[in-house]
Amino acid sequence: MSLNSATVEQLDALPGVGPVLARHIIEYRTAHGGFTSVEQLRDVNGIGDRRFADLRPLVQP
């Protein structure tokens, strides 16, 4: 799934991501002009090492 085009609903469907975290991802994307790497997910409020490890294989910039 693309971090740069996914909707709140699509992000919410990912394991460990609820509606609040989905909104944080979209807010980060808006504030920073999109994601250039999956590693930038680590900068999103609410994503720690374990959640990042779960999401990394499921998303792309």
PDB file of N, CA and C in Angstrom:
ATOM      1  N   MET A   1       0.845  -1.171   0.000  1.00  0.00           N
ATOM      2  CA  MET A   1       0.000   0.000   0.000  1.00  0.00           C
ATOM      3  C   MET A   1       0.894   1.240   0.000  1.00  0.00           C
ATOM      4  N   SER A   2       0.520   2.219  -0.774  1.00  0.00           N
ATOM      5  CA  SER A   2       1.299   3.452  -0.864  1.00  0.00           C
ATOM      6  C   SER A   2       0.957   4.410   0.278  1.00  0.00           C
ATOM      7  N   LEU A   3       1.963   4.808   1.016  1.00  0.00           N
ATOM      8  CA  LEU A   3       1.774   5.772   2.096  1.00  0.00           C
ATOM      9  C   LEU A   3       1.368   7.142   1.561  1.00  0.00           C
ATOM     10  N   ASN A   4       1.720   7.418   0.317  1.00  0.00           N
ATOM     11  CA  ASN A   4       1.442   8.736  -0.251  1.00  0.00           C
ATOM     12  C   ASN A   4       0.058   8.864  -0.871  1.00  0.00           C
ATOM     13  N   SER A   5      -0.651   7.756  -1.040  1.00  0.00           N
ATOM     14  CA  SER A   5      -1.975   7.863  -1.648  1.00  0.00           C
ATOM     15  C   SER A   5      -3.073   7.162  -0.853  1.00  0.00           C
ATOM     16  N   ALA A   6      -2.716   6.425   0.175  1.00  0.00           N
ATOM     17  CA  ALA A   6      -3.712   5.679   0.949  1.00  0.00           C
ATOM     18  C   ALA A   6      -4.647   6.619   1.697  1.00  0.00           C
ATOM     19  N   THR A   7      -5.898   6.218   1.792  1.00  0.00           N
ATOM     20  CA  THR A   7      -6.896   6.980   2.539  1.00  0.00           C
ATOM     21  C   THR A   7      -6.850   6.571   4.014  1.00  0.00           C
ATOM     22  N   VAL A   8      -7.545   7.319   4.848  1.00  0.00           N
ATOM     23  CA  VAL A   8      -7.649   6.972   6.267  1.00  0.00           C
ATOM     24  C   VAL A   8      -8.198   5.557   6.407  1.00  0.00           C
ATOM     25  N   GLU A   9      -9.220   5.232   5.627  1.00  0.00           N
ATOM     26  CA  GLU A   9      -9.845   3.917   5.712  1.00  0.00           C
ATOM     27  C   GLU A   9      -8.880   2.801   5.324  1.00  0.00           C
ATOM     28  N   GLN A  10      -8.088   3.031   4.282  1.00  0.00           N
ATOM     29  CA  GLN A  10      -7.119   2.022   3.854  1.00  0.00           C
ATOM     30  C   GLN A  10      -6.032   1.830   4.911  1.00  0.00           C
ATOM     31  N   LEU A  11      -5.531   2.931   5.456  1.00  0.00           N
ATOM     32  CA  LEU A  11      -4.499   2.837   6.492  1.00  0.00           C
ATOM     33  C   LEU A  11      -5.053   2.163   7.745  1.00  0.00           C
ATOM     34  N   ASP A  12      -6.291   2.467   8.081  1.00  0.00           N
ATOM     35  CA  ASP A  12      -6.951   1.895   9.255  1.00  0.00           C
ATOM     36  C   ASP A  12      -7.044   0.370   9.149  1.00  0.00           C
ATOM     37  N   ALA A  13      -7.076  -0.157   7.947  1.00  0.00           N
ATOM     38  CA  ALA A  13      -7.180  -1.604   7.740  1.00  0.00           C
ATOM     39  C   ALA A  13      -5.860  -2.330   7.990  1.00  0.00           C
ATOM     40  N   LEU A  14      -4.763  -1.607   8.077  1.00  0.00           N
ATOM     41  CA  LEU A  14      -3.468  -2.236   8.342  1.00  0.00           C
ATOM     42  C   LEU A  14      -3.406  -2.723   9.790  1.00  0.00           C
ATOM     43  N   PRO A  15      -2.674  -3.802  10.046  1.00  0.00           N
ATOM     44  CA  PRO A  15      -2.578  -4.313  11.418  1.00  0.00           C
ATOM     45  C   PRO A  15      -1.927  -3.301  12.361  1.00  0.00           C
ATOM     46  N   GLY A  16      -2.571  -3.049  13.484  1.00  0.00           N
ATOM     47  CA  GLY A  16      -2.024  -2.143  14.485  1.00  0.00           C
ATOM     48  C   GLY A  16      -2.284  -0.672  14.218  1.00  0.00           C
ATOM     49  N   VAL A  17      -2.986  -0.367  13.123  1.00  0.00           N
ATOM     50  CA  VAL A  17      -3.287   1.021  12.790  1.00  0.00           C
ATOM     51  C   VAL A  17      -4.789   1.236  12.950  1.00  0.00           C
ATOM     52  N   GLY A  18      -5.148   2.151  13.814  1.00  0.00           N
ATOM     53  CA  GLY A  18      -6.545   2.519  13.981  1.00  0.00           C
ATOM     54  C   GLY A  18      -6.806   3.847  13.313  1.00  0.00           C
ATOM     55  N   PRO A  19      -7.999   4.382  13.471  1.00  0.00           N
ATOM     56  CA  PRO A  19      -8.326   5.650  12.806  1.00  0.00           C
ATOM     57  C   PRO A  19      -7.472   6.829  13.268  1.00  0.00           C
ATOM     58  N   VAL A  20      -7.092   6.847  14.536  1.00  0.00           N
ATOM     59  CA  VAL A  20      -6.270   7.961  15.036  1.00  0.00           C
ATOM     60  C   VAL A  20      -4.880   7.904  14.427  1.00  0.00           C
ATOM     61  N   LEU A  21      -4.254   6.749  14.438  1.00  0.00           N
ATOM     62  CA  LEU A  21      -2.917   6.622  13.855  1.00  0.00           C
ATOM     63  C   LEU A  21      -2.960   6.849  12.349  1.00  0.00           C
ATOM     64  N   ALA A  22      -4.014   6.414  11.697  1.00  0.00           N
ATOM     65  CA  ALA A  22      -4.155   6.662  10.259  1.00  0.00           C
ATOM     66  C   ALA A  22      -4.167   8.168   9.986  1.00  0.00           C
ATOM     67  N   ARG A  23      -4.874   8.919  10.831  1.00  0.00           N
ATOM     68  CA  ARG A  23      -4.896  10.379  10.666  1.00  0.00           C
ATOM     69  C   ARG A  23      -3.509  10.977  10.924  1.00  0.00           C
ATOM     70  N   HIS A  24      -2.766  10.435  11.897  1.00  0.00           N
ATOM     71  CA  HIS A  24      -1.396  10.922  12.149  1.00  0.00           C
ATOM     72  C   HIS A  24      -0.512  10.702  10.920  1.00  0.00           C
ATOM     73  N   ILE A  25      -0.658   9.559  10.283  1.00  0.00           N
ATOM     74  CA  ILE A  25       0.137   9.262   9.076  1.00  0.00           C
ATOM     75  C   ILE A  25      -0.197  10.274   7.979  1.00  0.00           C
ATOM     76  N   ILE A  26      -1.471  10.539   7.780  1.00  0.00           N
ATOM     77  CA  ILE A  26      -1.876  11.490   6.737  1.00  0.00           C
ATOM     78  C   ILE A  26      -1.447  12.907   7.096  1.00  0.00           C
ATOM     79  N   GLU A  27      -1.524  13.269   8.369  1.00  0.00           N
ATOM     80  CA  GLU A  27      -1.056  14.594   8.787  1.00  0.00           C
ATOM     81  C   GLU A  27       0.440  14.737   8.542  1.00  0.00           C
ATOM     82  N   TYR A  28       1.207  13.690   8.839  1.00  0.00           N
ATOM     83  CA  TYR A  28       2.649  13.724   8.574  1.00  0.00           C
ATOM     84  C   TYR A  28       2.899  13.882   7.078  1.00  0.00           C
ATOM     85  N   ARG A  29       2.176  13.099   6.289  1.00  0.00           N
ATOM     86  CA  ARG A  29       2.323  13.144   4.823  1.00  0.00           C
ATOM     87  C   ARG A  29       2.043  14.546   4.305  1.00  0.00           C
ATOM     88  N   THR A  30       0.995  15.178   4.804  1.00  0.00           N
ATOM     89  CA  THR A  30       0.630  16.521   4.365  1.00  0.00           C
ATOM     90  C   THR A  30       1.681  17.548   4.782  1.00  0.00           C
ATOM     91  N   ALA A  31       2.140  17.453   6.017  1.00  0.00           N
ATOM     92  CA  ALA A  31       3.095  18.427   6.548  1.00  0.00           C
ATOM     93  C   ALA A  31       4.475  18.325   5.907  1.00  0.00           C
ATOM     94  N   HIS A  32       4.848  17.123   5.448  1.00  0.00           N
ATOM     95  CA  HIS A  32       6.191  16.913   4.931  1.00  0.00           C
ATOM     96  C   HIS A  32       6.243  16.680   3.426  1.00  0.00           C
ATOM     97  N   GLY A  33       5.137  16.900   2.753  1.00  0.00           N
ATOM     98  CA  GLY A  33       5.136  16.762   1.298  1.00  0.00           C
ATOM     99  C   GLY A  33       5.213  15.320   0.829  1.00  0.00           C
ATOM    100  N   GLY A  34       4.766  14.405   1.648  1.00  0.00           N
ATOM    101  CA  GLY A  34       4.760  12.994   1.264  1.00  0.00           C
ATOM    102  C   GLY A  34       5.916  12.230   1.867  1.00  0.00           C
ATOM    103  N   PHE A  35       5.862  10.925   1.684  1.00  0.00           N
ATOM    104  CA  PHE A  35       6.908  10.033   2.168  1.00  0.00           C
ATOM    105  C   PHE A  35       7.873   9.734   1.035  1.00  0.00           C
ATOM    106  N   THR A  36       9.167   9.807   1.330  1.00  0.00           N
ATOM    107  CA  THR A  36      10.168   9.416   0.339  1.00  0.00           C
ATOM    108  C   THR A  36      10.762   8.061   0.675  1.00  0.00           C
ATOM    109  N   SER A  37      10.520   7.587   1.909  1.00  0.00           N
ATOM    110  CA  SER A  37      10.978   6.256   2.306  1.00  0.00           C
ATOM    111  C   SER A  37      10.043   5.712   3.389  1.00  0.00           C
ATOM    112  N   VAL A  38       9.978   4.400   3.465  1.00  0.00           N
ATOM    113  CA  VAL A  38       9.155   3.754   4.484  1.00  0.00           C
ATOM    114  C   VAL A  38       9.685   4.091   5.876  1.00  0.00           C
ATOM    115  N   GLU A  39      10.995   4.292   6.001  1.00  0.00           N
ATOM    116  CA  GLU A  39      11.607   4.582   7.299  1.00  0.00           C
ATOM    117  C   GLU A  39      11.049   5.854   7.927  1.00  0.00           C
ATOM    118  N   GLN A  40      10.489   6.752   7.137  1.00  0.00           N
ATOM    119  CA  GLN A  40       9.908   7.977   7.688  1.00  0.00           C
ATOM    120  C   GLN A  40       8.703   7.686   8.573  1.00  0.00           C
ATOM    121  N   LEU A  41       8.126   6.500   8.465  1.00  0.00           N
ATOM    122  CA  LEU A  41       7.031   6.126   9.365  1.00  0.00           C
ATOM    123  C   LEU A  41       7.465   6.207  10.820  1.00  0.00           C
ATOM    124  N   ARG A  42       8.747   5.989  11.089  1.00  0.00           N
ATOM    125  CA  ARG A  42       9.266   6.061  12.455  1.00  0.00           C
ATOM    126  C   ARG A  42       9.071   7.451  13.059  1.00  0.00           C
ATOM    127  N   ASP A  43       8.948   8.466  12.205  1.00  0.00           N
ATOM    128  CA  ASP A  43       8.782   9.837  12.676  1.00  0.00           C
ATOM    129  C   ASP A  43       7.337  10.184  13.006  1.00  0.00           C
ATOM    130  N   VAL A  44       6.409   9.296  12.661  1.00  0.00           N
ATOM    131  CA  VAL A  44       4.990   9.544  12.913  1.00  0.00           C
ATOM    132  C   VAL A  44       4.686   9.229  14.375  1.00  0.00           C
ATOM    133  N   ASN A  45       3.999  10.151  15.039  1.00  0.00           N
ATOM    134  CA  ASN A  45       3.614   9.962  16.429  1.00  0.00           C
ATOM    135  C   ASN A  45       2.770   8.699  16.571  1.00  0.00           C
ATOM    136  N   GLY A  46       3.199   7.791  17.446  1.00  0.00           N
ATOM    137  CA  GLY A  46       2.449   6.562  17.685  1.00  0.00           C
ATOM    138  C   GLY A  46       3.028   5.330  17.021  1.00  0.00           C
ATOM    139  N   ILE A  47       4.077   5.502  16.231  1.00  0.00           N
ATOM    140  CA  ILE A  47       4.695   4.344  15.588  1.00  0.00           C
ATOM    141  C   ILE A  47       6.051   4.093  16.225  1.00  0.00           C
ATOM    142  N   GLY A  48       6.118   3.007  16.976  1.00  0.00           N
ATOM    143  CA  GLY A  48       7.365   2.597  17.607  1.00  0.00           C
ATOM    144  C   GLY A  48       8.029   1.494  16.806  1.00  0.00           C
ATOM    145  N   ASP A  49       9.065   0.920  17.386  1.00  0.00           N
ATOM    146  CA  ASP A  49       9.839  -0.095  16.680  1.00  0.00           C
ATOM    147  C   ASP A  49       9.001  -1.307  16.289  1.00  0.00           C
ATOM    148  N   ARG A  50       8.194  -1.786  17.205  1.00  0.00           N
ATOM    149  CA  ARG A  50       7.413  -2.999  16.917  1.00  0.00           C
ATOM    150  C   ARG A  50       6.363  -2.753  15.828  1.00  0.00           C
ATOM    151  N   ARG A  51       5.630  -1.654  15.949  1.00  0.00           N
ATOM    152  CA  ARG A  51       4.610  -1.353  14.932  1.00  0.00           C
ATOM    153  C   ARG A  51       5.262  -1.112  13.583  1.00  0.00           C
ATOM    154  N   PHE A  52       6.406  -0.425  13.577  1.00  0.00           N
ATOM    155  CA  PHE A  52       7.127  -0.195  12.322  1.00  0.00           C
ATOM    156  C   PHE A  52       7.524  -1.526  11.692  1.00  0.00           C
ATOM    157  N   ALA A  53       8.020  -2.451  12.496  1.00  0.00           N
ATOM    158  CA  ALA A  53       8.432  -3.759  11.977  1.00  0.00           C
ATOM    159  C   ALA A  53       7.244  -4.498  11.357  1.00  0.00           C
ATOM    160  N   ASP A  54       6.065  -4.353  11.962  1.00  0.00           N
ATOM    161  CA  ASP A  54       4.860  -4.998  11.421  1.00  0.00           C
ATOM    162  C   ASP A  54       4.411  -4.352  10.114  1.00  0.00           C
ATOM    163  N   LEU A  55       4.544  -3.040  10.013  1.00  0.00           N
ATOM    164  CA  LEU A  55       4.043  -2.317   8.844  1.00  0.00           C
ATOM    165  C   LEU A  55       5.013  -2.284   7.675  1.00  0.00           C
ATOM    166  N   ARG A  56       6.297  -2.349   7.957  1.00  0.00           N
ATOM    167  CA  ARG A  56       7.306  -2.172   6.908  1.00  0.00           C
ATOM    168  C   ARG A  56       7.088  -3.036   5.672  1.00  0.00           C
ATOM    169  N   PRO A  57       6.803  -4.338   5.819  1.00  0.00           N
ATOM    170  CA  PRO A  57       6.623  -5.133   4.597  1.00  0.00           C
ATOM    171  C   PRO A  57       5.301  -4.875   3.867  1.00  0.00           C
ATOM    172  N   LEU A  58       4.407  -4.124   4.474  1.00  0.00           N
ATOM    173  CA  LEU A  58       3.072  -3.932   3.906  1.00  0.00           C
ATOM    174  C   LEU A  58       2.896  -2.605   3.162  1.00  0.00           C
ATOM    175  N   VAL A  59       3.866  -1.688   3.320  1.00  0.00           N
ATOM    176  CA  VAL A  59       3.711  -0.356   2.750  1.00  0.00           C
ATOM    177  C   VAL A  59       4.925   0.031   1.920  1.00  0.00           C
ATOM    178  N   GLN A  60       4.706   1.045   1.105  1.00  0.00           N
ATOM    179  CA  GLN A  60       5.777   1.644   0.315  1.00  0.00           C
ATOM    180  C   GLN A  60       5.532   3.153   0.281  1.00  0.00           C
ATOM    181  N   PRO A  61       6.561   3.931  -0.079  1.00  0.00           N
ATOM    182  CA  PRO A  61       6.353   5.396  -0.101  1.00  0.00           C
ATOM    183  C   PRO A  61       5.251   5.804  -1.071  1.00  0.00           C
TER     184      PRO A  61
END
